[in-house]
Amino acid sequence: MAVVVVFMPGGFPLLLAYIAARTLRARWREARMAARAHGRSLSVRDVVANLHFKDLIREARAAL
């Protein structure tokens, strides 16, 4: 990943998009399971509202 960021033009935004997508997908899975357990419906707004910058940082460290 670091090589892509250094050598590819536009690599840093690509890395940020990848990390954001991974984080959003993981949070979506967790929220879907919780909603299913409580018998509620789930929307993208619920997932995005609970997304924090520290979650993105944690996912970035896990990805690299």
Protein backbone atom coordinates (compact mmCIF):
# COMPACT_ATOMS: atom_id res chain seq x y z
CA MET A 1 0.00 0.00 0.00
CA ALA A 2 2.76 2.45 0.85
CA VAL A 3 4.35 1.87 -2.56
CA VAL A 4 1.07 2.75 -4.28
CA VAL A 5 0.80 5.99 -2.31
CA VAL A 6 4.37 7.03 -3.09
CA PHE A 7 4.68 6.05 -6.74
CA MET A 8 1.18 6.40 -8.17
CA PRO A 9 -0.23 9.87 -8.82
CA GLY A 10 -3.44 10.16 -6.84
CA GLY A 11 -2.46 7.21 -4.68
CA PHE A 12 -3.25 8.91 -1.39
CA PRO A 13 -6.92 9.62 -2.23
CA LEU A 14 -7.17 6.07 -3.52
CA LEU A 15 -5.84 4.76 -0.21
CA LEU A 16 -8.29 6.93 1.75
CA ALA A 17 -11.20 5.68 -0.36
CA TYR A 18 -10.11 2.07 0.17
CA ILE A 19 -9.89 2.52 3.94
CA ALA A 20 -13.23 4.31 4.10
CA ALA A 21 -14.91 1.56 2.06
CA ARG A 22 -13.45 -1.18 4.26
CA THR A 23 -14.55 0.60 7.42
CA LEU A 24 -18.03 1.31 6.11
CA ARG A 25 -18.47 -2.31 5.01
CA ALA A 26 -17.36 -3.63 8.41
CA ARG A 27 -19.65 -1.22 10.28
CA TRP A 28 -22.53 -2.11 7.96
CA ARG A 29 -22.14 -5.80 8.83
CA GLU A 30 -22.06 -5.07 12.57
CA ALA A 31 -25.08 -2.77 12.39
CA ARG A 32 -27.02 -5.26 10.28
CA MET A 33 -26.44 -8.00 12.86
CA ALA A 34 -27.46 -5.71 15.71
CA ALA A 35 -30.58 -4.54 13.87
CA ARG A 36 -31.52 -8.11 13.07
CA ALA A 37 -31.12 -9.12 16.72
CA HIS A 38 -33.35 -6.24 17.88
CA GLY A 39 -35.88 -6.60 15.07
CA ARG A 40 -35.26 -3.12 13.64
CA SER A 41 -34.69 -1.86 10.13
CA LEU A 42 -31.33 -0.46 9.09
CA SER A 43 -30.42 2.51 6.94
CA VAL A 44 -27.14 3.82 5.59
CA ARG A 45 -27.69 6.97 7.63
CA ASP A 46 -27.59 4.93 10.85
CA VAL A 47 -24.27 3.39 9.89
CA VAL A 48 -22.63 6.62 8.72
CA ALA A 49 -23.88 8.52 11.79
CA ASN A 50 -21.98 6.12 14.06
CA LEU A 51 -18.76 6.20 12.04
CA HIS A 52 -15.90 8.03 13.77
CA PHE A 53 -12.49 9.16 12.60
CA LYS A 54 -10.81 6.87 15.12
CA ASP A 55 -12.51 3.92 13.39
CA LEU A 56 -10.93 4.98 10.10
CA ILE A 57 -7.51 5.25 11.75
CA ARG A 58 -7.88 1.81 13.35
CA GLU A 59 -8.88 0.31 10.00
CA ALA A 60 -5.95 2.00 8.26
CA ARG A 61 -3.52 0.47 10.73
CA ALA A 62 -5.10 -2.95 10.22
CA ALA A 63 -4.92 -2.60 6.42
CA LEU A 64 -1.25 -1.67 6.42
